[in-house]
């Protein structure tokens, strides 16, 4: 598992507009990198909308918000448009970043075990080092907790 002080794993993924985005594009800025299970599900929608509502406060702290799931580019585009999300959503269908950050884990739901993305947020500092790891975050409070940490 990644820990505070470690170098953040680099990645290049595609956003909802079909553009390639690399973590290194944001050197010199704080990055709030949050991994979530699925677009348009209740928890993921509440989490995304909370980040959107606090977007100006994050910008004031020189922080970029990036959401990552294994949903398609088209799904991200629709999700961002539907909820007017002002930040970057990256598609990771091959689990490149999801596995590099260790958030692809065994999950139990109603006694059934499956693999999936565990909702986790990382704060990455201006030098590309992990400043905080927030595992199994709550969708409703995650944005406020991250803002407080920044």
N, C-alpha and C. Protein backbone atom coordinates (compact mmCIF):
# COMPACT_ATOMS: atom_id res chain seq x y z
N UNK A 1 0.83 -1.19 0.00
CA UNK A 1 0.00 0.00 0.00
C UNK A 1 0.87 1.25 0.00
N UNK A 2 0.42 2.23 -0.72
CA UNK A 2 1.16 3.50 -0.77
C UNK A 2 1.00 4.24 0.56
N UNK A 3 2.06 4.95 0.92
CA UNK A 3 2.05 5.66 2.20
C UNK A 3 2.53 7.08 2.01
N UNK A 4 2.21 7.90 3.00
CA UNK A 4 2.65 9.30 3.03
C UNK A 4 4.17 9.36 2.85
N UNK A 5 4.61 10.29 2.00
CA UNK A 5 6.04 10.48 1.76
C UNK A 5 6.57 9.74 0.55
N UNK A 6 5.83 8.75 0.06
CA UNK A 6 6.26 8.00 -1.13
C UNK A 6 5.99 8.82 -2.38
N UNK A 7 6.77 8.55 -3.43
CA UNK A 7 6.50 9.18 -4.72
C UNK A 7 5.18 8.64 -5.27
N UNK A 8 4.35 9.53 -5.75
CA UNK A 8 3.07 9.11 -6.33
C UNK A 8 3.32 8.40 -7.66
N UNK A 9 2.72 7.24 -7.88
CA UNK A 9 2.89 6.54 -9.16
C UNK A 9 2.40 7.41 -10.33
N UNK A 10 3.21 7.48 -11.36
CA UNK A 10 2.86 8.27 -12.55
C UNK A 10 1.87 7.49 -13.42
N UNK A 11 1.04 8.22 -14.14
CA UNK A 11 0.10 7.59 -15.07
C UNK A 11 -0.30 8.58 -16.14
N UNK A 12 -0.80 8.05 -17.24
CA UNK A 12 -1.41 8.84 -18.31
C UNK A 12 -2.71 8.13 -18.68
N UNK A 13 -3.82 8.84 -18.52
CA UNK A 13 -5.15 8.29 -18.80
C UNK A 13 -5.94 9.30 -19.64
N UNK A 14 -7.08 8.87 -20.14
CA UNK A 14 -7.90 9.72 -21.01
C UNK A 14 -9.06 10.31 -20.22
N UNK A 15 -9.31 11.62 -20.45
CA UNK A 15 -10.41 12.28 -19.75
C UNK A 15 -11.71 12.18 -20.55
N UNK A 16 -12.76 12.77 -20.04
CA UNK A 16 -14.08 12.69 -20.67
C UNK A 16 -14.16 13.37 -22.02
N UNK A 17 -13.16 14.21 -22.35
CA UNK A 17 -13.12 14.88 -23.65
C UNK A 17 -12.20 14.16 -24.63
N UNK A 18 -11.66 13.00 -24.22
CA UNK A 18 -10.78 12.24 -25.10
C UNK A 18 -9.33 12.70 -25.09
N UNK A 19 -8.99 13.61 -24.16
CA UNK A 19 -7.61 14.11 -24.07
C UNK A 19 -6.81 13.25 -23.10
N UNK A 20 -5.54 13.05 -23.41
CA UNK A 20 -4.65 12.33 -22.49
C UNK A 20 -4.19 13.28 -21.40
N UNK A 21 -4.25 12.81 -20.16
CA UNK A 21 -3.85 13.60 -19.01
C UNK A 21 -2.86 12.77 -18.21
N UNK A 22 -1.73 13.38 -17.86
CA UNK A 22 -0.71 12.71 -17.06
C UNK A 22 -0.61 13.38 -15.70
N UNK A 23 -0.29 12.60 -14.68
CA UNK A 23 -0.09 13.19 -13.36
C UNK A 23 0.99 14.26 -13.41
N UNK A 24 2.03 14.02 -14.20
CA UNK A 24 3.15 14.98 -14.30
C UNK A 24 2.73 16.33 -14.88
N UNK A 25 1.56 16.40 -15.53
CA UNK A 25 1.05 17.68 -16.04
C UNK A 25 0.81 18.68 -14.91
N UNK A 26 0.71 18.17 -13.68
CA UNK A 26 0.33 19.02 -12.55
C UNK A 26 1.46 19.24 -11.56
N UNK A 27 2.72 19.00 -12.00
CA UNK A 27 3.86 19.29 -11.13
C UNK A 27 3.77 20.75 -10.70
N UNK A 28 4.04 21.02 -9.42
CA UNK A 28 3.96 22.39 -8.91
C UNK A 28 2.60 22.73 -8.33
N UNK A 29 1.65 21.81 -8.45
CA UNK A 29 0.32 22.01 -7.86
C UNK A 29 0.02 20.84 -6.92
N UNK A 30 -0.88 21.09 -5.98
CA UNK A 30 -1.38 19.99 -5.16
C UNK A 30 -2.42 19.25 -6.01
N UNK A 31 -2.45 17.94 -5.88
CA UNK A 31 -3.43 17.14 -6.62
C UNK A 31 -4.25 16.32 -5.62
N UNK A 32 -5.57 16.47 -5.74
CA UNK A 32 -6.49 15.63 -4.98
C UNK A 32 -6.92 14.54 -5.96
N UNK A 33 -6.40 13.35 -5.76
CA UNK A 33 -6.66 12.23 -6.66
C UNK A 33 -7.60 11.27 -5.94
N UNK A 34 -8.83 11.21 -6.44
CA UNK A 34 -9.77 10.32 -5.77
C UNK A 34 -10.25 9.23 -6.71
N UNK A 35 -10.27 8.03 -6.18
CA UNK A 35 -10.71 6.85 -6.92
C UNK A 35 -12.10 6.48 -6.43
N UNK A 36 -12.99 6.22 -7.38
CA UNK A 36 -14.37 5.90 -7.00
C UNK A 36 -14.88 4.75 -7.87
N UNK A 37 -15.89 3.99 -7.37
CA UNK A 37 -16.33 2.79 -8.08
C UNK A 37 -17.02 3.00 -9.42
N UNK A 38 -18.02 3.92 -9.50
CA UNK A 38 -18.80 3.95 -10.74
C UNK A 38 -19.56 5.26 -10.90
N UNK A 39 -19.55 5.79 -12.14
CA UNK A 39 -20.33 6.99 -12.47
C UNK A 39 -21.81 6.74 -12.21
N UNK A 40 -22.51 7.80 -11.85
CA UNK A 40 -23.98 7.79 -11.73
C UNK A 40 -24.55 6.84 -10.69
N UNK A 41 -23.74 6.43 -9.72
CA UNK A 41 -24.27 5.66 -8.60
C UNK A 41 -24.47 6.65 -7.45
N UNK A 42 -25.35 6.36 -6.50
CA UNK A 42 -25.68 7.37 -5.48
C UNK A 42 -24.47 7.92 -4.71
N UNK A 43 -23.62 7.04 -4.18
CA UNK A 43 -22.47 7.51 -3.40
C UNK A 43 -21.48 8.29 -4.25
N UNK A 44 -21.19 7.78 -5.42
CA UNK A 44 -20.21 8.43 -6.30
C UNK A 44 -20.73 9.78 -6.79
N UNK A 45 -22.02 9.88 -7.00
CA UNK A 45 -22.61 11.15 -7.42
C UNK A 45 -22.52 12.17 -6.28
N UNK A 46 -22.85 11.76 -5.07
CA UNK A 46 -22.76 12.68 -3.93
C UNK A 46 -21.33 13.15 -3.71
N UNK A 47 -20.37 12.22 -3.86
CA UNK A 47 -18.96 12.58 -3.67
C UNK A 47 -18.53 13.58 -4.73
N UNK A 48 -18.85 13.31 -5.98
CA UNK A 48 -18.46 14.21 -7.07
C UNK A 48 -19.11 15.58 -6.91
N UNK A 49 -20.37 15.61 -6.55
CA UNK A 49 -21.08 16.89 -6.38
C UNK A 49 -20.51 17.69 -5.21
N UNK A 50 -20.05 17.00 -4.15
CA UNK A 50 -19.42 17.69 -3.02
C UNK A 50 -18.10 18.33 -3.46
N UNK A 51 -17.31 17.61 -4.26
CA UNK A 51 -16.08 18.20 -4.79
C UNK A 51 -16.40 19.38 -5.71
N UNK A 52 -17.44 19.25 -6.52
CA UNK A 52 -17.83 20.33 -7.42
C UNK A 52 -18.27 21.57 -6.64
N UNK A 53 -19.03 21.36 -5.56
CA UNK A 53 -19.51 22.48 -4.74
C UNK A 53 -18.36 23.24 -4.08
N UNK A 54 -17.28 22.53 -3.77
CA UNK A 54 -16.13 23.14 -3.10
C UNK A 54 -15.01 23.49 -4.08
N UNK A 55 -15.29 23.42 -5.38
CA UNK A 55 -14.26 23.58 -6.41
C UNK A 55 -13.47 24.87 -6.26
N UNK A 56 -14.15 25.99 -6.04
CA UNK A 56 -13.45 27.28 -5.92
C UNK A 56 -12.51 27.30 -4.72
N UNK A 57 -12.92 26.67 -3.63
CA UNK A 57 -12.06 26.60 -2.44
C UNK A 57 -10.80 25.78 -2.73
N UNK A 58 -10.94 24.71 -3.51
CA UNK A 58 -9.77 23.91 -3.89
C UNK A 58 -8.84 24.73 -4.80
N UNK A 59 -9.44 25.44 -5.77
CA UNK A 59 -8.63 26.28 -6.66
C UNK A 59 -7.86 27.34 -5.88
N UNK A 60 -8.50 27.90 -4.87
CA UNK A 60 -7.85 28.93 -4.04
C UNK A 60 -6.65 28.36 -3.29
N UNK A 61 -6.63 27.07 -3.06
CA UNK A 61 -5.50 26.41 -2.39
C UNK A 61 -4.52 25.80 -3.39
N UNK A 62 -4.62 26.20 -4.67
CA UNK A 62 -3.74 25.71 -5.73
C UNK A 62 -3.81 24.19 -5.86
N UNK A 63 -5.04 23.66 -5.72
CA UNK A 63 -5.22 22.21 -5.80
C UNK A 63 -6.08 21.85 -7.01
N UNK A 64 -5.68 20.78 -7.67
CA UNK A 64 -6.40 20.23 -8.81
C UNK A 64 -7.14 18.98 -8.34
N UNK A 65 -8.38 18.82 -8.76
CA UNK A 65 -9.16 17.62 -8.40
C UNK A 65 -9.21 16.70 -9.61
N UNK A 66 -8.88 15.43 -9.39
CA UNK A 66 -8.95 14.42 -10.44
C UNK A 66 -9.68 13.20 -9.89
N UNK A 67 -10.76 12.83 -10.55
CA UNK A 67 -11.49 11.62 -10.19
C UNK A 67 -11.15 10.51 -11.17
N UNK A 68 -10.96 9.29 -10.68
CA UNK A 68 -10.60 8.16 -11.53
C UNK A 68 -11.53 6.98 -11.24
N UNK A 69 -12.08 6.40 -12.31
CA UNK A 69 -12.81 5.14 -12.20
C UNK A 69 -12.54 4.34 -13.47
N UNK A 70 -13.05 3.10 -13.49
CA UNK A 70 -12.82 2.30 -14.70
C UNK A 70 -13.92 2.50 -15.74
N UNK A 71 -14.81 3.46 -15.50
CA UNK A 71 -15.85 3.78 -16.49
C UNK A 71 -15.22 4.31 -17.78
N UNK A 72 -15.99 4.23 -18.86
CA UNK A 72 -15.50 4.66 -20.17
C UNK A 72 -15.41 6.19 -20.27
N UNK A 73 -14.70 6.65 -21.27
CA UNK A 73 -14.59 8.08 -21.55
C UNK A 73 -15.98 8.67 -21.78
N UNK A 74 -16.83 7.96 -22.54
CA UNK A 74 -18.19 8.44 -22.83
C UNK A 74 -19.01 8.54 -21.54
N UNK A 75 -18.88 7.57 -20.66
CA UNK A 75 -19.59 7.59 -19.39
C UNK A 75 -19.17 8.80 -18.56
N UNK A 76 -17.86 9.07 -18.52
CA UNK A 76 -17.36 10.24 -17.78
C UNK A 76 -17.90 11.54 -18.37
N UNK A 77 -17.94 11.63 -19.69
CA UNK A 77 -18.43 12.84 -20.34
C UNK A 77 -19.89 13.10 -19.95
N UNK A 78 -20.71 12.05 -19.97
CA UNK A 78 -22.13 12.18 -19.60
C UNK A 78 -22.28 12.54 -18.12
N UNK A 79 -21.50 11.88 -17.27
CA UNK A 79 -21.56 12.11 -15.82
C UNK A 79 -21.19 13.56 -15.51
N UNK A 80 -20.09 14.04 -16.10
CA UNK A 80 -19.63 15.41 -15.86
C UNK A 80 -20.66 16.42 -16.36
N UNK A 81 -21.25 16.15 -17.52
CA UNK A 81 -22.24 17.07 -18.08
C UNK A 81 -23.52 17.08 -17.24
N UNK A 82 -23.99 15.91 -16.85
CA UNK A 82 -25.23 15.79 -16.09
C UNK A 82 -25.17 16.54 -14.76
N UNK A 83 -24.02 16.49 -14.09
CA UNK A 83 -23.88 17.11 -12.77
C UNK A 83 -23.01 18.37 -12.80
N UNK A 84 -22.66 18.85 -13.98
CA UNK A 84 -21.88 20.08 -14.14
C UNK A 84 -20.59 20.03 -13.31
N UNK A 85 -19.84 18.94 -13.49
CA UNK A 85 -18.60 18.74 -12.74
C UNK A 85 -17.46 19.52 -13.40
N UNK A 86 -16.83 20.45 -12.67
CA UNK A 86 -15.81 21.32 -13.26
C UNK A 86 -14.40 20.75 -13.24
N UNK A 87 -14.23 19.54 -12.74
CA UNK A 87 -12.88 18.98 -12.61
C UNK A 87 -12.71 17.78 -13.55
N UNK A 88 -11.50 17.24 -13.56
CA UNK A 88 -11.11 16.18 -14.49
C UNK A 88 -11.59 14.82 -13.98
N UNK A 89 -12.19 14.05 -14.88
CA UNK A 89 -12.52 12.66 -14.62
C UNK A 89 -11.73 11.81 -15.61
N UNK A 90 -10.98 10.85 -15.10
CA UNK A 90 -10.14 10.02 -15.96
C UNK A 90 -10.67 8.59 -16.03
N UNK A 91 -10.61 8.04 -17.22
CA UNK A 91 -11.06 6.68 -17.49
C UNK A 91 -9.88 5.72 -17.38
N UNK A 92 -10.04 4.67 -16.58
CA UNK A 92 -8.96 3.70 -16.37
C UNK A 92 -9.49 2.27 -16.54
N UNK A 93 -9.98 1.94 -17.76
CA UNK A 93 -10.57 0.61 -17.97
C UNK A 93 -9.57 -0.53 -17.82
N UNK A 94 -8.28 -0.26 -18.03
CA UNK A 94 -7.24 -1.29 -17.91
C UNK A 94 -6.65 -1.37 -16.49
N UNK A 95 -7.19 -0.55 -15.60
CA UNK A 95 -6.79 -0.54 -14.18
C UNK A 95 -5.33 -0.12 -13.97
N UNK A 96 -4.77 0.65 -14.89
CA UNK A 96 -3.37 1.08 -14.80
C UNK A 96 -3.12 1.85 -13.50
N UNK A 97 -3.82 2.95 -13.30
CA UNK A 97 -3.63 3.76 -12.09
C UNK A 97 -4.31 3.11 -10.89
N UNK A 98 -5.47 2.52 -11.12
CA UNK A 98 -6.23 1.88 -10.04
C UNK A 98 -5.38 0.83 -9.32
N UNK A 99 -4.66 0.01 -10.09
CA UNK A 99 -3.80 -1.00 -9.46
C UNK A 99 -2.51 -0.38 -8.92
N UNK A 100 -1.95 0.61 -9.62
CA UNK A 100 -0.72 1.25 -9.15
C UNK A 100 -0.93 1.90 -7.78
N UNK A 101 -2.15 2.39 -7.54
CA UNK A 101 -2.46 3.03 -6.26
C UNK A 101 -3.05 2.06 -5.24
N UNK A 102 -3.18 0.79 -5.62
CA UNK A 102 -3.61 -0.24 -4.68
C UNK A 102 -5.06 -0.18 -4.26
N UNK A 103 -5.93 0.41 -5.10
CA UNK A 103 -7.33 0.55 -4.71
C UNK A 103 -8.24 -0.52 -5.34
N UNK A 104 -7.67 -1.44 -6.14
CA UNK A 104 -8.43 -2.56 -6.71
C UNK A 104 -8.34 -3.68 -5.68
N UNK A 105 -9.42 -3.89 -4.94
CA UNK A 105 -9.38 -4.81 -3.82
C UNK A 105 -10.63 -5.67 -3.77
N UNK A 106 -10.55 -6.69 -2.93
CA UNK A 106 -11.69 -7.56 -2.70
C UNK A 106 -12.73 -6.79 -1.89
N UNK A 107 -13.99 -6.89 -2.36
CA UNK A 107 -15.08 -6.22 -1.66
C UNK A 107 -16.16 -7.26 -1.35
N UNK A 108 -16.86 -7.04 -0.24
CA UNK A 108 -17.96 -7.93 0.12
C UNK A 108 -19.25 -7.13 0.12
N UNK A 109 -20.26 -7.64 -0.58
CA UNK A 109 -21.57 -7.01 -0.62
C UNK A 109 -22.62 -8.10 -0.50
N UNK A 110 -23.40 -8.02 0.56
CA UNK A 110 -24.45 -9.02 0.81
C UNK A 110 -23.88 -10.44 0.80
N UNK A 111 -22.69 -10.60 1.38
CA UNK A 111 -22.08 -11.91 1.47
C UNK A 111 -21.35 -12.37 0.22
N UNK A 112 -21.48 -11.61 -0.86
CA UNK A 112 -20.82 -11.98 -2.12
C UNK A 112 -19.47 -11.24 -2.22
N UNK A 113 -18.44 -11.97 -2.60
CA UNK A 113 -17.11 -11.38 -2.71
C UNK A 113 -16.81 -11.10 -4.18
N UNK A 114 -16.33 -9.88 -4.46
CA UNK A 114 -15.93 -9.53 -5.82
C UNK A 114 -14.78 -8.53 -5.75
N UNK A 115 -14.15 -8.29 -6.88
CA UNK A 115 -13.08 -7.30 -6.95
C UNK A 115 -13.69 -5.98 -7.42
N UNK A 116 -13.18 -4.88 -6.86
CA UNK A 116 -13.68 -3.58 -7.27
C UNK A 116 -12.81 -2.46 -6.71
N UNK A 117 -13.16 -1.25 -7.09
CA UNK A 117 -12.44 -0.07 -6.62
C UNK A 117 -12.95 0.29 -5.23
N UNK A 118 -12.01 0.40 -4.28
CA UNK A 118 -12.34 0.86 -2.94
C UNK A 118 -12.15 2.38 -2.94
N UNK A 119 -13.22 3.09 -2.57
CA UNK A 119 -13.23 4.56 -2.59
C UNK A 119 -12.08 5.09 -1.73
N UNK A 120 -11.09 5.69 -2.37
CA UNK A 120 -9.88 6.14 -1.69
C UNK A 120 -9.43 7.48 -2.28
N UNK A 121 -8.95 8.37 -1.42
CA UNK A 121 -8.46 9.67 -1.88
C UNK A 121 -6.99 9.83 -1.47
N UNK A 122 -6.21 10.35 -2.41
CA UNK A 122 -4.80 10.66 -2.16
C UNK A 122 -4.59 12.16 -2.36
N UNK A 123 -3.81 12.76 -1.48
CA UNK A 123 -3.39 14.14 -1.69
C UNK A 123 -1.92 14.06 -2.07
N UNK A 124 -1.61 14.66 -3.22
CA UNK A 124 -0.24 14.63 -3.74
C UNK A 124 0.30 16.06 -3.71
N UNK A 125 1.49 16.23 -3.15
CA UNK A 125 2.04 17.58 -3.01
C UNK A 125 2.66 18.09 -4.31
N UNK A 126 3.15 19.31 -4.26
CA UNK A 126 3.70 19.98 -5.45
C UNK A 126 4.91 19.26 -6.04
N UNK A 127 5.59 18.46 -5.23
CA UNK A 127 6.78 17.72 -5.71
C UNK A 127 6.42 16.31 -6.19
N UNK A 128 5.15 15.95 -6.18
CA UNK A 128 4.74 14.63 -6.65
C UNK A 128 4.84 13.54 -5.59
N UNK A 129 4.92 13.95 -4.33
CA UNK A 129 4.95 12.98 -3.23
C UNK A 129 3.57 12.89 -2.59
N UNK A 130 3.25 11.72 -2.06
CA UNK A 130 1.97 11.52 -1.40
C UNK A 130 1.99 12.23 -0.05
N UNK A 131 1.08 13.18 0.12
CA UNK A 131 1.00 13.94 1.37
C UNK A 131 -0.01 13.31 2.33
N UNK A 132 -0.99 12.59 1.77
CA UNK A 132 -2.00 11.93 2.62
C UNK A 132 -2.67 10.81 1.84
N UNK A 133 -3.02 9.74 2.56
CA UNK A 133 -3.79 8.63 2.02
C UNK A 133 -5.05 8.52 2.86
N UNK A 134 -6.20 8.55 2.19
CA UNK A 134 -7.48 8.46 2.90
C UNK A 134 -8.25 7.25 2.36
N UNK A 135 -8.10 6.08 3.00
CA UNK A 135 -8.78 4.88 2.51
C UNK A 135 -10.24 4.82 2.96
N UNK A 136 -11.06 4.15 2.15
CA UNK A 136 -12.47 3.90 2.48
C UNK A 136 -13.18 5.16 2.96
N UNK A 137 -13.06 6.24 2.19
CA UNK A 137 -13.68 7.51 2.56
C UNK A 137 -15.19 7.45 2.41
N UNK A 138 -15.86 8.34 3.11
CA UNK A 138 -17.32 8.48 3.01
C UNK A 138 -17.62 9.52 1.93
N UNK A 139 -18.52 9.21 1.00
CA UNK A 139 -18.80 10.13 -0.11
C UNK A 139 -19.26 11.52 0.34
N UNK A 140 -20.03 11.58 1.42
CA UNK A 140 -20.61 12.85 1.83
C UNK A 140 -19.64 13.78 2.54
N UNK A 141 -18.58 13.25 3.13
CA UNK A 141 -17.68 14.09 3.92
C UNK A 141 -16.28 14.20 3.32
N UNK A 142 -15.99 13.45 2.27
CA UNK A 142 -14.63 13.40 1.72
C UNK A 142 -14.12 14.76 1.28
N UNK A 143 -14.89 15.52 0.53
CA UNK A 143 -14.42 16.82 0.01
C UNK A 143 -14.07 17.76 1.15
N UNK A 144 -14.93 17.84 2.17
CA UNK A 144 -14.68 18.73 3.31
C UNK A 144 -13.43 18.30 4.09
N UNK A 145 -13.26 16.99 4.26
CA UNK A 145 -12.08 16.48 4.97
C UNK A 145 -10.79 16.82 4.21
N UNK A 146 -10.84 16.68 2.89
CA UNK A 146 -9.65 16.99 2.08
C UNK A 146 -9.33 18.48 2.16
N UNK A 147 -10.35 19.32 2.04
CA UNK A 147 -10.14 20.77 2.14
C UNK A 147 -9.49 21.14 3.47
N UNK A 148 -9.97 20.52 4.52
CA UNK A 148 -9.41 20.78 5.85
C UNK A 148 -7.94 20.39 5.90
N UNK A 149 -7.58 19.27 5.26
CA UNK A 149 -6.19 18.81 5.28
C UNK A 149 -5.27 19.72 4.46
N UNK A 150 -5.81 20.34 3.42
CA UNK A 150 -5.00 21.23 2.58
C UNK A 150 -4.71 22.51 3.33
